[in-house]
Protein backbone atom coordinates (compact mmCIF):
# COMPACT_ATOMS: atom_id res chain seq x y z
CA MET A 1 0.00 0.00 0.00
CA LEU A 2 2.85 2.42 0.82
CA TYR A 3 5.32 1.18 -1.75
CA ASP A 4 4.78 4.09 -4.16
CA LYS A 5 3.67 6.66 -1.57
CA LYS A 6 5.46 9.36 0.39
CA ALA A 7 4.81 8.81 4.08
CA LEU A 8 6.38 9.28 7.51
CA LEU A 9 5.42 6.56 10.00
CA VAL A 10 6.05 7.43 13.66
CA VAL A 11 6.44 4.49 16.05
CA ASP A 12 6.40 5.96 19.55
CA ASP A 13 8.00 4.40 22.62
CA ALA A 14 9.18 1.09 21.17
CA TRP A 15 10.37 -1.28 23.88
CA ASN A 16 11.04 -4.29 21.67
CA PRO A 17 12.89 -4.04 18.32
CA GLU A 18 10.57 -6.70 16.88
CA HIS A 19 7.60 -4.37 17.31
CA VAL A 20 9.13 -1.96 14.79
CA GLU A 21 9.50 -4.47 11.95
CA PRO A 22 5.82 -4.46 10.77
CA PHE A 23 6.16 -0.72 10.06
CA ARG A 24 9.17 -1.09 7.76
CA VAL A 25 6.98 -1.59 4.72
CA GLY A 26 7.25 1.60 2.69
CA GLY A 27 9.12 2.34 -0.51
CA SER A 28 12.10 4.57 -1.11
CA ASP A 29 10.08 7.74 -0.41
CA CYS A 30 8.90 6.53 3.02
CA ARG A 31 10.63 7.02 6.35
CA VAL A 32 10.08 5.50 9.79
CA LEU A 33 10.77 7.55 12.93
CA VAL A 34 11.09 5.45 16.09
CA THR A 35 11.26 6.83 19.61
CA THR A 36 12.69 4.44 22.17
CA ARG A 37 14.20 4.50 25.62
CA GLU A 38 16.11 1.23 25.51
CA ALA A 39 15.58 -0.79 22.30
CA VAL A 40 18.37 -1.07 19.74
CA ILE A 41 16.79 -0.84 16.27
CA LYS A 42 18.74 -2.79 13.68
CA GLY A 43 19.65 -0.77 10.58
CA ALA A 44 18.44 2.54 12.05
CA THR A 45 20.40 5.78 12.40
CA ALA A 46 20.37 6.82 16.06
CA TYR A 47 19.79 10.40 17.18
CA LYS A 48 20.26 10.64 20.94
CA LEU A 49 18.30 13.41 22.64
CA ASP A 50 20.03 15.32 25.41
CA VAL A 51 18.65 15.57 28.93
CA LEU A 52 18.04 18.99 30.45
CA THR A 53 20.93 21.38 30.97
CA PRO A 54 21.82 22.43 34.55
CA ASP A 55 20.11 25.81 34.05
CA GLU A 56 16.98 24.21 32.54
CA SER A 57 16.86 21.81 35.49
CA ILE A 58 16.89 24.67 38.00
CA LYS A 59 14.11 26.45 36.09
CA LEU A 60 12.01 23.27 36.19
CA LEU A 61 12.56 22.92 39.95
CA GLU A 62 11.66 26.57 40.54
CA LYS A 63 8.28 26.07 38.89
CA SER A 64 7.24 23.99 41.89
CA CYS A 65 9.54 25.39 44.58
CA SER A 66 9.39 29.13 43.75
CA SER A 67 12.65 31.07 43.86
CA LEU A 68 15.56 29.35 45.55
CA LYS A 69 17.87 30.89 48.08
CA LEU A 70 21.59 30.72 47.38
CA GLU A 71 22.21 27.71 49.65
CA GLU A 72 19.10 25.93 48.29
CA ARG A 73 20.23 26.61 44.73
CA HIS A 74 23.56 24.86 45.38
CA LEU A 75 21.75 21.86 46.86
CA ALA A 76 19.24 21.87 43.97
CA GLN A 77 22.10 21.89 41.45
CA GLU A 78 23.73 18.94 43.23
CA LEU A 79 20.38 17.09 43.29
CA ALA A 80 19.81 17.75 39.58
CA ALA A 81 23.24 16.29 38.81
CA THR A 82 22.49 13.31 41.08
CA VAL A 83 19.36 12.39 39.11
CA GLY A 84 21.11 12.90 35.78
CA TYR A 85 19.04 15.97 34.86
CA LEU A 86 16.07 13.72 34.02
CA PRO A 87 12.81 15.73 33.89
CA LEU A 88 10.63 13.04 35.53
CA ALA A 89 13.07 12.59 38.44
CA LEU A 90 13.24 16.38 38.87
CA ASP A 91 9.43 16.61 38.97
CA LEU A 92 9.30 13.94 41.66
CA ALA A 93 11.98 15.74 43.69
CA ALA A 94 10.23 19.10 43.37
CA SER A 95 6.93 17.63 44.60
CA GLN A 96 8.67 16.28 47.71
CA VAL A 97 10.29 19.65 48.48
CA ALA A 98 6.92 21.37 48.00
CA GLU A 99 5.50 19.03 50.67
CA GLY A 100 8.12 20.04 53.22
CA VAL A 101 11.06 17.68 52.67
CA THR A 102 14.28 19.72 52.90
CA TRP A 103 16.79 19.75 50.07
CA THR A 104 19.40 18.24 52.37
CA GLU A 105 17.14 15.36 53.43
CA LEU A 106 16.07 14.66 49.88
CA LEU A 107 19.61 14.71 48.54
CA GLU A 108 20.87 12.39 51.30
CA ASP A 109 18.00 9.93 50.77
CA LEU A 110 18.52 9.86 47.00
CA GLN A 111 22.26 9.32 47.26
CA LYS A 112 21.73 6.55 49.81
CA ASP A 113 19.15 4.76 47.61
CA ILE A 114 21.24 5.09 44.47
CA ALA A 115 24.31 3.69 46.24
CA TYR A 116 22.27 0.75 47.48
CA LEU A 117 20.83 0.04 44.00
CA GLU A 118 24.32 0.07 42.52
CA THR A 119 25.32 -2.73 44.87
CA LEU A 120 22.45 -4.91 43.61
CA ASP A 121 23.73 -5.03 40.01
CA LEU A 122 20.16 -5.16 38.65
CA PRO A 123 19.62 -7.49 35.66
CA GLY A 124 19.02 -6.09 32.19
CA LEU A 125 21.47 -3.17 32.50
CA GLU A 126 24.64 -4.97 31.42
CA LYS A 127 24.72 -3.33 27.97
CA TYR A 128 24.57 0.24 29.33
CA SER A 129 27.39 2.55 30.27
CA THR A 130 28.08 3.48 33.87
CA GLU A 131 26.50 6.91 33.32
CA GLU A 132 23.34 5.42 31.78
CA LYS A 133 23.06 2.92 34.64
CA ARG A 134 23.36 5.73 37.17
CA LYS A 135 20.54 7.66 35.49
CA HIS A 136 18.39 4.52 35.62
CA TYR A 137 19.18 4.01 39.31
CA SER A 138 18.43 7.66 40.08
CA LEU A 139 15.00 7.34 38.46
CA ILE A 140 14.17 4.19 40.47
CA ALA A 141 15.37 5.90 43.64
CA SER A 142 13.18 8.94 42.86
CA PHE A 143 10.17 6.67 42.36
CA ASN A 144 10.84 4.84 45.62
CA LEU A 145 11.19 8.02 47.65
CA SER A 146 7.94 9.42 46.26
CA LEU A 147 6.09 6.17 46.91
CA ARG A 148 7.46 5.86 50.45
CA SER A 149 5.89 9.22 51.23
CA LEU A 150 2.43 7.77 50.56
CA THR A 151 0.13 6.43 53.23
CA PRO A 152 -0.37 2.63 53.15
CA GLU A 153 -3.83 3.18 51.64
CA MET A 154 -2.52 5.45 48.86
CA LEU A 155 0.34 3.05 48.15
CA GLN A 156 -2.22 0.30 47.55
CA GLN A 157 -4.29 2.63 45.38
CA PHE A 158 -1.22 3.44 43.30
CA ALA A 159 -0.52 -0.29 42.86
CA TRP A 160 -4.00 -0.77 41.37
CA PHE A 161 -2.95 1.45 38.45
CA GLY A 162 -0.95 -1.60 37.36
CA VAL A 163 -4.13 -3.40 36.26
CA LEU A 164 -4.83 -0.74 33.62
CA PRO A 165 -3.53 -0.79 30.04
CA GLU A 166 -0.85 1.70 29.07
CA ASP A 167 -1.71 5.19 27.88
CA VAL A 168 -5.30 5.37 29.10
CA ASN A 169 -7.09 8.38 30.53
CA ILE A 170 -8.17 7.82 34.11
CA THR A 171 -11.47 9.44 35.09
CA PRO A 172 -12.61 9.99 38.69
CA ALA A 173 -15.62 7.70 38.03
CA MET A 174 -13.31 4.94 36.81
CA ALA A 175 -10.93 5.42 39.76
CA ALA A 176 -13.88 5.19 42.14
CA THR A 177 -14.58 1.68 40.87
CA LEU A 178 -10.89 0.79 40.81
CA TRP A 179 -10.47 1.72 44.48
CA ALA A 180 -14.02 0.98 45.72
CA ILE A 181 -14.56 4.54 46.98
CA THR A 182 -16.83 7.44 45.99
CA PRO A 183 -16.11 9.55 42.88
CA ARG A 184 -15.49 12.59 45.11
CA GLN A 185 -12.92 10.67 47.16
CA ALA A 186 -11.35 9.34 43.96
CA LEU A 187 -10.99 12.87 42.54
CA THR A 188 -9.28 14.04 45.75
CA THR A 189 -6.86 11.09 45.58
CA LEU A 190 -6.08 11.68 41.91
CA ARG A 191 -5.34 15.33 42.61
CA SER A 192 -3.04 14.29 45.44
CA PHE A 193 -1.19 11.89 43.13
CA LYS A 194 -0.83 14.72 40.59
CA THR A 195 0.58 17.04 43.26
CA LYS A 196 3.19 14.38 44.03
CA ALA A 197 3.98 14.07 40.26
CA LEU A 198 2.89 10.41 40.31
CA VAL A 199 0.22 11.01 37.65
CA LEU A 200 0.07 13.49 34.78
CA PRO A 201 -2.86 15.55 33.54
CA GLY A 202 -4.79 13.85 30.73
CA ILE A 203 -7.40 15.14 28.29
CA THR A 204 -10.54 16.98 29.32
CA LEU A 205 -13.50 14.61 28.92
CA ASN A 206 -17.05 15.97 29.23
CA GLU A 207 -15.65 19.13 30.86
CA GLN A 208 -13.81 17.07 33.48
CA GLN A 209 -10.06 16.67 33.91
CA THR A 210 -8.68 13.18 33.42
CA TYR A 211 -5.30 11.81 34.43
CA ARG A 212 -2.71 9.48 32.93
CA LEU A 213 0.40 7.58 33.97
CA HIS A 214 3.90 7.97 32.61
CA ASP A 215 4.86 4.58 31.17
CA LEU A 216 7.64 4.16 33.77
CA MET A 217 5.13 4.88 36.54
CA HIS A 218 2.81 2.31 34.99
CA ASP A 219 5.61 -0.26 35.13
CA MET A 220 6.24 0.58 38.78
CA ALA A 221 2.52 0.20 39.59
CA LYS A 222 2.40 -3.14 37.79
CA ARG A 223 5.34 -4.40 39.84
CA SER A 224 3.67 -3.20 43.03
CA LEU A 225 0.48 -5.02 42.08
CA VAL A 226 2.21 -8.41 41.98
CA SER A 227 4.91 -7.82 44.63
CA GLU A 228 4.68 -9.50 48.03
CA PRO A 229 2.87 -7.56 50.80
CA SER A 230 5.86 -8.22 53.05
CA PRO A 231 9.01 -7.46 51.00
CA TYR A 232 12.18 -9.49 51.48
CA GLN A 233 14.61 -6.58 50.98
CA PRO A 234 14.63 -3.32 52.96
CA HIS A 235 14.63 -1.16 49.79
CA GLU A 236 11.53 -2.88 48.38
CA LEU A 237 8.04 -1.48 48.83
CA PRO A 238 5.10 -3.62 49.98
CA GLY A 239 2.83 -4.75 47.14
CA LEU A 240 -0.61 -6.32 46.85
CA GLY A 241 0.63 -9.84 46.15
CA LEU A 242 -1.89 -10.46 43.36
CA LYS A 243 -1.52 -12.41 40.14
CA LEU A 244 -2.39 -10.27 37.14
CA ALA A 245 -5.35 -12.43 36.06
CA GLU A 246 -6.68 -12.29 39.61
CA ALA A 247 -6.38 -8.50 39.72
CA HIS A 248 -8.28 -8.16 36.44
CA SER A 249 -11.02 -10.45 37.77
CA GLN A 250 -11.38 -8.39 40.94
CA LEU A 251 -11.77 -5.19 38.91
CA LEU A 252 -14.34 -6.87 36.66
CA GLU A 253 -16.32 -8.02 39.69
CA ARG A 254 -16.43 -4.43 40.99
CA TYR A 255 -17.81 -3.30 37.65
CA GLN A 256 -20.26 -6.18 37.36
CA ASN A 257 -21.70 -5.24 40.75
CA LYS A 258 -22.76 -1.97 39.11
CA THR A 259 -24.70 -3.67 36.29
CA THR A 260 -28.35 -4.66 36.14
CA SER A 261 -28.69 -8.45 36.43
CA GLY A 262 -25.02 -8.87 35.58
CA LEU A 263 -25.47 -7.57 32.00
CA TRP A 264 -22.47 -5.57 30.86
CA HIS A 265 -24.42 -3.38 28.43
CA THR A 266 -26.34 -1.85 31.38
CA LEU A 267 -23.19 -0.24 32.84
CA GLU A 268 -23.06 3.53 33.16
CA ASP A 269 -20.38 5.10 30.96
CA ASP A 270 -17.43 6.21 33.10
CA GLY A 271 -15.20 7.22 30.20
CA TYR A 272 -13.15 4.02 30.55
CA ILE A 273 -14.85 0.65 30.88
CA TYR A 274 -16.62 0.46 27.52
CA ALA A 275 -13.35 0.91 25.64
CA ASN A 276 -11.47 -1.56 27.83
CA LEU A 277 -13.95 -4.21 29.02
CA SER A 278 -13.01 -6.85 26.43
CA TRP A 279 -9.30 -6.31 27.14
CA HIS A 280 -9.86 -6.90 30.87
CA LEU A 281 -11.91 -10.03 30.16
CA GLU A 282 -9.08 -11.41 28.04
CA GLN A 283 -6.43 -10.51 30.64
CA ALA A 284 -8.55 -12.17 33.35
CA GLN A 285 -8.66 -15.30 31.16
CA ARG A 286 -12.45 -15.10 31.15
CA VAL A 287 -12.76 -15.92 27.46
CA GLU A 288 -16.21 -17.50 27.77
CA ASP A 289 -17.48 -14.31 29.41
CA LEU A 290 -16.08 -12.33 26.49
CA HIS A 291 -17.95 -14.46 23.97
CA GLN A 292 -21.09 -14.20 26.13
CA LEU A 293 -20.81 -10.40 25.95
CA PHE A 294 -22.00 -10.56 22.33
CA GLU A 295 -24.98 -12.75 23.27
CA GLU A 296 -26.48 -10.13 25.63
CA GLU A 297 -29.86 -8.76 24.53
CA THR A 298 -31.84 -5.66 25.44
CA GLU A 299 -35.45 -5.84 26.62
CA LYS A 300 -36.47 -5.24 22.99
CA GLY A 301 -34.42 -8.21 21.79
CA HIS A 302 -31.60 -6.19 20.23
CA ASN A 303 -27.89 -6.93 20.63
CA GLY A 304 -27.09 -5.35 23.97
CA TRP A 305 -23.40 -4.57 23.56
CA TYR A 306 -23.86 -3.12 20.08
CA GLU A 307 -26.76 -0.94 21.26
CA ALA A 308 -24.70 0.35 24.21
CA CYS A 309 -21.71 1.25 22.04
CA ASP A 310 -23.98 2.80 19.41
CA ARG A 311 -25.73 4.89 22.07
CA LEU A 312 -22.34 6.36 23.01
CA GLY A 313 -21.44 7.01 19.37
CA GLN A 314 -18.54 4.58 19.86
CA ASN A 315 -19.25 1.84 17.32
CA GLY A 316 -15.51 1.45 16.88
CA ILE A 317 -15.37 -0.12 20.35
CA PHE A 318 -17.81 -2.83 19.23
CA VAL A 319 -15.78 -3.54 16.07
CA THR A 320 -12.54 -3.77 18.09
CA ASP A 321 -14.17 -6.11 20.60
CA VAL A 322 -15.49 -8.37 17.82
CA ALA A 323 -11.97 -8.59 16.39
CA ARG A 324 -10.54 -9.59 19.80
CA ALA A 325 -13.21 -12.24 20.39
CA TRP A 326 -12.77 -13.57 16.85
CA ARG A 327 -9.02 -14.00 17.41
CA LEU A 328 -9.64 -15.92 20.64
CA ALA A 329 -12.20 -18.09 18.84
CA GLU A 330 -9.55 -19.06 16.29
CA ASP A 331 -7.13 -19.96 19.11
CA MET A 332 -9.55 -22.54 20.53
CA TYR A 333 -9.85 -24.58 17.29
CA THR A 334 -7.61 -27.44 18.40
CA GLU A 335 -9.49 -28.00 21.67
CA ASN A 336 -13.05 -27.48 20.39
CA SER A 337 -13.27 -27.31 16.61
CA SER A 338 -17.08 -27.10 16.25
CA ASN A 339 -17.44 -24.26 18.79
CA SER A 340 -14.48 -22.48 17.22
CA ILE A 341 -16.07 -22.67 13.75
CA TYR A 342 -19.41 -21.50 15.21
CA LEU A 343 -17.82 -18.47 16.85
CA GLN A 344 -15.72 -17.57 13.81
CA CYS A 345 -18.78 -17.60 11.56
CA PHE A 346 -20.76 -15.78 14.26
CA TYR A 347 -18.24 -12.90 14.31
CA ALA A 348 -17.85 -12.92 10.52
CA LEU A 349 -21.61 -12.55 10.15
CA ILE A 350 -21.73 -9.74 12.72
CA THR A 351 -18.98 -7.92 10.81
CA ALA A 352 -20.74 -8.42 7.48
CA SER A 353 -24.05 -7.31 9.02
CA LEU A 354 -22.46 -4.03 10.14
CA ASN A 355 -21.10 -3.56 6.63
CA SER A 356 -24.62 -4.12 5.29
CA LEU A 357 -25.99 -1.41 7.59
CA VAL A 358 -23.47 1.10 6.28
CA ALA A 359 -23.87 0.03 2.66
CA ASN A 360 -27.66 0.30 2.77
CA LEU A 361 -27.84 3.80 4.30
CA PRO A 362 -27.85 6.57 1.67
CA ASN A 363 -26.00 9.76 2.51
CA ASP A 364 -29.22 11.79 2.40
CA LEU A 365 -30.77 9.56 5.07
CA LEU A 366 -27.62 9.71 7.20
CA ILE A 367 -27.69 13.52 7.07
CA ALA A 368 -31.43 13.60 7.82
CA LEU A 369 -31.00 11.39 10.89
CA VAL A 370 -28.44 13.86 12.27
CA ASN A 371 -30.35 17.02 11.28
CA LYS A 372 -33.62 15.70 12.76
CA LYS A 373 -31.76 14.82 15.97
CA VAL A 374 -32.72 11.16 15.66
CA TRP A 375 -28.97 10.57 15.97
CA THR A 376 -26.47 12.76 17.75
CA PRO A 377 -23.65 14.17 15.59
CA ASN A 378 -21.31 11.71 17.32
CA GLN A 379 -23.53 8.78 16.34
CA GLY A 380 -23.75 9.94 12.73
CA LEU A 381 -19.99 10.30 12.51
CA ALA A 382 -19.43 6.91 14.16
CA TYR A 383 -21.81 5.31 11.66
CA ALA A 384 -19.97 6.81 8.68
CA LEU A 385 -16.65 5.66 10.12
CA GLN A 386 -17.82 2.05 10.31
CA SER A 387 -17.45 1.43 6.59
CA SER A 388 -14.54 -0.81 5.67
CA ASN A 389 -14.70 0.45 2.06
CA PRO A 390 -12.42 3.52 1.72
CA SER A 391 -14.38 4.94 -1.22
CA GLN A 392 -17.72 4.67 0.56
CA LYS A 393 -16.27 6.01 3.80
CA ALA A 394 -14.75 9.05 2.10
CA ASP A 395 -18.05 9.79 0.31
CA SER A 396 -20.19 9.51 3.47
CA LEU A 397 -17.82 11.59 5.62
CA THR A 398 -17.50 14.32 3.01
CA ALA A 399 -21.29 14.56 2.67
CA LEU A 400 -21.86 14.53 6.44
CA ALA A 401 -19.15 17.06 7.35
CA ASN A 402 -21.28 20.19 6.63
CA HIS A 403 -23.90 18.99 9.13
CA LEU A 404 -21.58 18.52 12.09
CA PRO A 405 -20.36 20.97 14.75
CA PRO A 406 -16.92 22.50 13.99
CA ASN A 407 -14.84 20.05 16.06
CA LEU A 408 -16.52 17.00 14.50
CA GLU A 409 -16.52 18.57 11.02
CA LYS A 410 -12.73 18.89 11.21
CA LEU A 411 -12.41 15.28 12.35
CA ALA A 412 -14.78 14.05 9.60
CA LEU A 413 -12.77 15.82 6.88
CA GLU A 414 -9.50 14.44 8.27
CA LYS A 415 -10.93 10.92 8.22
CA ALA A 416 -12.40 11.46 4.75
CA LEU A 417 -9.02 12.54 3.43
CA ALA A 418 -7.31 9.54 5.04
CA ALA A 419 -9.90 7.20 3.50
CA ALA A 420 -9.60 8.85 0.08
CA LYS A 421 -5.85 8.29 0.05
CA LEU A 422 -6.41 4.58 0.69
CA ILE A 423 -8.55 4.15 -2.43
CA GLN A 424 -6.51 2.05 -4.85
CA ASP A 425 -8.58 2.69 -7.97
CA GLU A 426 -7.18 5.89 -9.51
CA ARG A 427 -10.54 7.07 -10.85
CA HIS A 428 -12.35 6.61 -7.54
CA ARG A 429 -9.47 8.19 -5.60
CA ALA A 430 -9.50 11.22 -7.89
CA GLU A 431 -13.27 11.59 -7.50
CA ALA A 432 -13.01 11.41 -3.70
CA LEU A 433 -10.24 14.02 -3.61
CA PHE A 434 -12.12 16.36 -5.95
CA ALA A 435 -15.15 16.11 -3.63
CA LEU A 436 -12.94 17.36 -0.79
CA VAL A 437 -11.36 20.22 -2.74
CA ASP A 438 -14.31 22.52 -2.02
CA LYS A 439 -13.57 22.26 1.71
CA ARG A 440 -9.81 21.68 1.43
CA PRO A 441 -8.56 23.71 -1.60
CA GLU A 442 -4.97 22.69 -0.93
CA LEU A 443 -5.88 19.16 -2.14
CA LEU A 444 -6.38 20.30 -5.75
CA PRO A 445 -2.83 19.39 -6.95
CA GLU A 446 -3.13 15.91 -5.41
CA ALA A 447 -6.55 15.38 -6.98
CA LEU A 448 -5.24 16.44 -10.38
CA ALA A 449 -2.24 14.10 -10.03
CA ALA A 450 -4.57 11.19 -9.22
CA ALA A 451 -6.72 12.03 -12.23
CA ARG A 452 -3.68 11.95 -14.54
CA GLN A 453 -2.83 8.41 -13.36
CA ILE A 454 -6.15 6.91 -14.46
CA GLN A 455 -5.56 4.03 -16.86
CA ASN A 456 -8.19 1.70 -18.32
CA GLU A 457 -7.06 -1.93 -18.54
CA GLU A 458 -7.98 -3.37 -21.89
CA SER A 459 -10.37 -6.30 -21.69
CA ARG A 460 -8.27 -8.18 -24.28
CA ALA A 461 -6.13 -9.68 -21.44
CA ILE A 462 -9.18 -11.29 -19.85
CA GLU A 463 -10.55 -12.47 -23.18
CA ALA A 464 -7.21 -14.04 -24.07
CA LEU A 465 -7.12 -15.93 -20.76
CA PHE A 466 -10.66 -17.22 -21.29
CA ALA A 467 -9.64 -18.53 -24.68
CA LEU A 468 -6.44 -20.22 -23.47
CA VAL A 469 -7.63 -21.98 -20.30
CA ASP A 470 -9.58 -24.75 -21.99
CA LYS A 471 -6.87 -25.43 -24.58
CA LEU A 472 -3.75 -25.79 -22.41
CA PRO A 473 -2.59 -28.82 -20.41
CA SER A 474 -2.66 -28.50 -16.63
CA GLU A 475 1.12 -28.26 -16.35
CA LEU A 476 1.00 -24.92 -18.17
CA LEU A 477 -1.67 -23.42 -15.89
CA LEU A 478 0.99 -21.92 -13.64
CA GLU A 479 2.13 -19.79 -16.57
CA ILE A 480 -1.47 -18.68 -17.12
CA LEU A 481 -1.77 -17.82 -13.41
CA VAL A 482 1.42 -15.75 -13.60
CA ALA A 483 0.01 -13.95 -16.62
CA ALA A 484 -3.23 -13.23 -14.74
CA LYS A 485 -1.22 -11.69 -11.88
CA GLN A 486 0.19 -9.15 -14.33
CA ILE A 487 -3.25 -7.65 -14.92
CA GLN A 488 -3.16 -4.16 -13.44
CA ASP A 489 -6.92 -3.63 -13.39
CA GLU A 490 -8.04 -5.06 -10.04
CA GLU A 491 -11.64 -5.31 -11.21
CA SER A 492 -10.56 -7.64 -14.01
CA PHE A 493 -8.32 -9.94 -11.99
CA PRO A 494 -11.20 -11.72 -10.15
CA GLU A 495 -12.69 -12.48 -13.58
CA ALA A 496 -9.43 -14.13 -14.56
CA LEU A 497 -9.56 -16.28 -11.43
CA PHE A 498 -13.14 -17.31 -12.22
CA ALA A 499 -11.87 -18.46 -15.62
CA LEU A 500 -9.07 -20.49 -14.00
CA VAL A 501 -10.82 -21.86 -10.93
CA ASP A 502 -12.12 -25.15 -12.34
CA LYS A 503 -8.74 -26.02 -13.85
CA LEU A 504 -6.37 -25.20 -10.98
CA PRO A 505 -4.82 -28.25 -9.29
CA PRO A 506 -4.52 -28.13 -5.45
CA GLU A 507 -0.79 -27.44 -5.56
CA LEU A 508 -1.39 -24.11 -7.34
CA LEU A 509 -4.08 -22.92 -4.95
CA PRO A 510 -1.62 -21.29 -2.47
CA GLU A 511 -0.15 -19.34 -5.38
CA ALA A 512 -3.61 -18.21 -6.49
CA LEU A 513 -4.59 -17.24 -2.93
CA ALA A 514 -1.40 -15.25 -2.48
CA ALA A 515 -2.13 -13.39 -5.73
CA ALA A 516 -5.71 -12.66 -4.67
CA LYS A 517 -4.62 -11.28 -1.31
CA LEU A 518 -2.39 -8.75 -3.06
CA ILE A 519 -5.44 -6.98 -4.46
CA GLN A 520 -5.71 -3.66 -2.62
CA ASP A 521 -9.41 -2.94 -3.14
CA GLU A 522 -11.35 -4.85 -0.47
CA GLU A 523 -14.38 -5.57 -2.68
CA TYR A 524 -12.33 -6.92 -5.58
CA ARG A 525 -10.10 -8.88 -3.21
CA ALA A 526 -13.17 -10.50 -1.66
CA ASP A 527 -14.50 -11.30 -5.17
CA ALA A 528 -11.25 -13.04 -6.04
CA LEU A 529 -11.13 -15.03 -2.78
CA SER A 530 -14.79 -15.98 -3.18
CA ALA A 531 -13.93 -17.41 -6.61
CA LEU A 532 -11.27 -19.60 -4.98
CA ALA A 533 -13.31 -20.62 -1.91
CA ILE A 534 -14.78 -23.68 -3.56
CA LEU A 535 -11.28 -25.11 -4.04
CA LEU A 536 -10.26 -24.88 -0.39
CA SER A 537 -11.56 -28.33 0.48
CA ARG A 538 -8.87 -29.80 -1.81
CA ILE A 539 -6.11 -28.51 0.49
CA PRO A 540 -4.57 -31.03 2.95
CA THR A 541 -6.37 -30.88 6.31
CA ASP A 542 -3.28 -29.80 8.25
CA GLN A 543 -3.06 -26.64 6.10
CA LEU A 544 -6.78 -25.99 5.71
CA PHE A 545 -7.52 -24.08 8.93
CA SER A 546 -4.90 -21.43 8.19
CA PHE A 547 -6.41 -20.72 4.75
CA TRP A 548 -9.94 -20.78 6.20
CA LYS A 549 -9.07 -18.12 8.80
CA GLN A 550 -7.56 -15.79 6.23
CA ILE A 551 -10.40 -16.10 3.72
CA LEU A 552 -13.19 -15.75 6.28
CA HIS A 553 -11.74 -12.46 7.52
CA GLU A 554 -11.56 -11.11 3.98
CA LEU A 555 -15.06 -12.26 3.02
CA SER A 556 -16.54 -10.66 6.16
CA LEU A 557 -15.58 -7.23 4.82
CA ARG A 558 -18.53 -7.33 2.42
CA THR A 559 -22.24 -7.35 3.18
CA ARG A 560 -24.00 -10.19 5.00
CA GLN A 561 -25.82 -11.20 1.82
CA ASN A 562 -22.45 -11.69 0.10
CA LEU A 563 -21.05 -13.59 3.07
CA LEU A 564 -24.02 -15.95 3.25
CA ALA A 565 -23.48 -16.82 -0.42
CA ASP A 566 -19.77 -17.36 0.27
CA ILE A 567 -20.50 -19.60 3.28
CA GLU A 568 -22.62 -21.78 1.01
CA LYS A 569 -19.59 -22.25 -1.23
CA LEU A 570 -17.47 -23.04 1.83
CA VAL A 571 -19.69 -25.88 3.10
CA PRO A 572 -17.23 -28.59 1.94
CA VAL A 573 -14.46 -26.73 3.78
CA ILE A 574 -16.54 -26.42 6.97
CA PHE A 575 -17.28 -30.13 6.83
CA ALA A 576 -13.58 -30.93 6.39
CA LEU A 577 -12.76 -28.77 9.42
CA GLY A 578 -15.34 -30.22 11.82
CA ASN A 579 -17.72 -32.68 10.13
CA ASP A 580 -21.48 -32.45 10.78
CA ALA A 581 -20.96 -30.68 14.12
CA ALA A 582 -19.25 -27.77 12.37
CA ILE A 583 -22.06 -27.52 9.77
CA ALA A 584 -24.64 -27.42 12.58
CA SER A 585 -22.59 -24.78 14.42
CA VAL A 586 -22.46 -22.53 11.38
CA ASN A 587 -26.22 -22.86 10.94
CA CYS A 588 -26.67 -21.79 14.57
CA ALA A 589 -24.37 -18.80 14.04
CA ILE A 590 -26.44 -17.66 11.04
CA GLN A 591 -29.67 -17.89 13.03
CA ASP A 592 -28.21 -16.18 16.11
CA VAL A 593 -26.91 -13.15 14.23
CA ALA A 594 -30.18 -12.92 12.25
CA ARG A 595 -31.97 -12.16 15.54
CA TRP A 596 -30.29 -8.76 15.71
CA TRP A 597 -29.55 -7.80 12.09
CA HIS A 598 -32.14 -8.69 9.46
């Protein structure tokens, strides 16, 4: 997709070099910028950022400690050097001084803790220089001193941050559930943590301040969560002594106590749990509960979790949760093949049903629903964003943008532009960009460039393939398949596969599947894979499940009507995967999803 594009991909805070590799996919005009604290990225040019200067460090300290007297300034300079001029360590130190700890006491405690940590020779630091190790030790010592200043209750509350995913915004309502206290008490505690520089200010959500954790603080909280309540070493802090899965289960129980009859879709929105419920269920190893989440129904017989997410204008949460549950369903194939096939088809049908909803809603009706206040602007935008077809998404967002408040209009146009740039067909991409030019005049050169690239593939290539297939021996079909792959017009390539499908021997099917998956346009790619679906049952059983997973995901990107037709073609495959039990399971999945989306 990015091979012939100009793009800068930013991979922030990479801890593992392997996590960077999937982003190294662009062509010669693409660049990847990686920020990392520790990882060594193979083949990358390193640009090391300096820490604060001594003068900048003093200015940072004075923000919290007002102007410093001459003697205090000397001590502050020595402290800044001790912590390696690291901003986070300086913030922690400043918060302690603001609470009454003297510079002398703080400096002595830090130096004592750092000296002790150096004697431990902590694992994982062997590759770092002495100076880098000392900075690491100074940061740990700063954390420990700040945490030791907490009351036992606040230390436990801090440890519970370790059950949260990284980079989330923490609301007072969410913290109230996390700590089993009132929202007012939670807000007071969060403010106290912020004063101590243990949490950072987050975004403003519904006119209320949220909070977030620095990733190093999150790591410290996670360690505290699982550490023993009675530490073995004097420098260690007492923890909660929980296993991670157990901690996630306890949090889920606190939330479930706030539901009606244990139904997750009845939860009040606290700005956190809807976006993270499925993640917590997976982390708690409550996979059956996650699958059950999608079986919940409202009093009117609608899908409960979908309705709840839709009500919030957060349909993306539902789509993300379906993807997580689908992945877990695939993982259980070896232990329960029929239930795995049922769940995979169940989630594929849900995905296709959502695509059908988007495909069947004209732009005029979408706009009317927003203008008549049947839907909130957020719901209308969320609906338009659901489409997996870039062309359709760009069209809907562009049409809807004029009917949204300014903040959502800006977001809609940004998403429309992003979708337009993903359109692989030159003609459709040019049309989408021209539609945006009225609102974004600066896009005119790009739209004109796309228009100049439009090329019509001659139908002679397809006609020639049709003529050759029936006249050549099977051993030459590979050459025909290679010729078909050269067809640039993605709309024509599925037709070529239809011409070849009855003649392809099983050993060429992987080659044909690989070619089909290279098609960029989702609709044409699904057409090509659908043409090949009937041949899947010829693949050896030990390879079949892998192909099945890939094709089902692709076919689910179309409408439910398309998917149902494709499932009919896949019946021999389903039987090969799980015999009659799998066929019955798929039938159940079709009926179950039909209850909510007709």
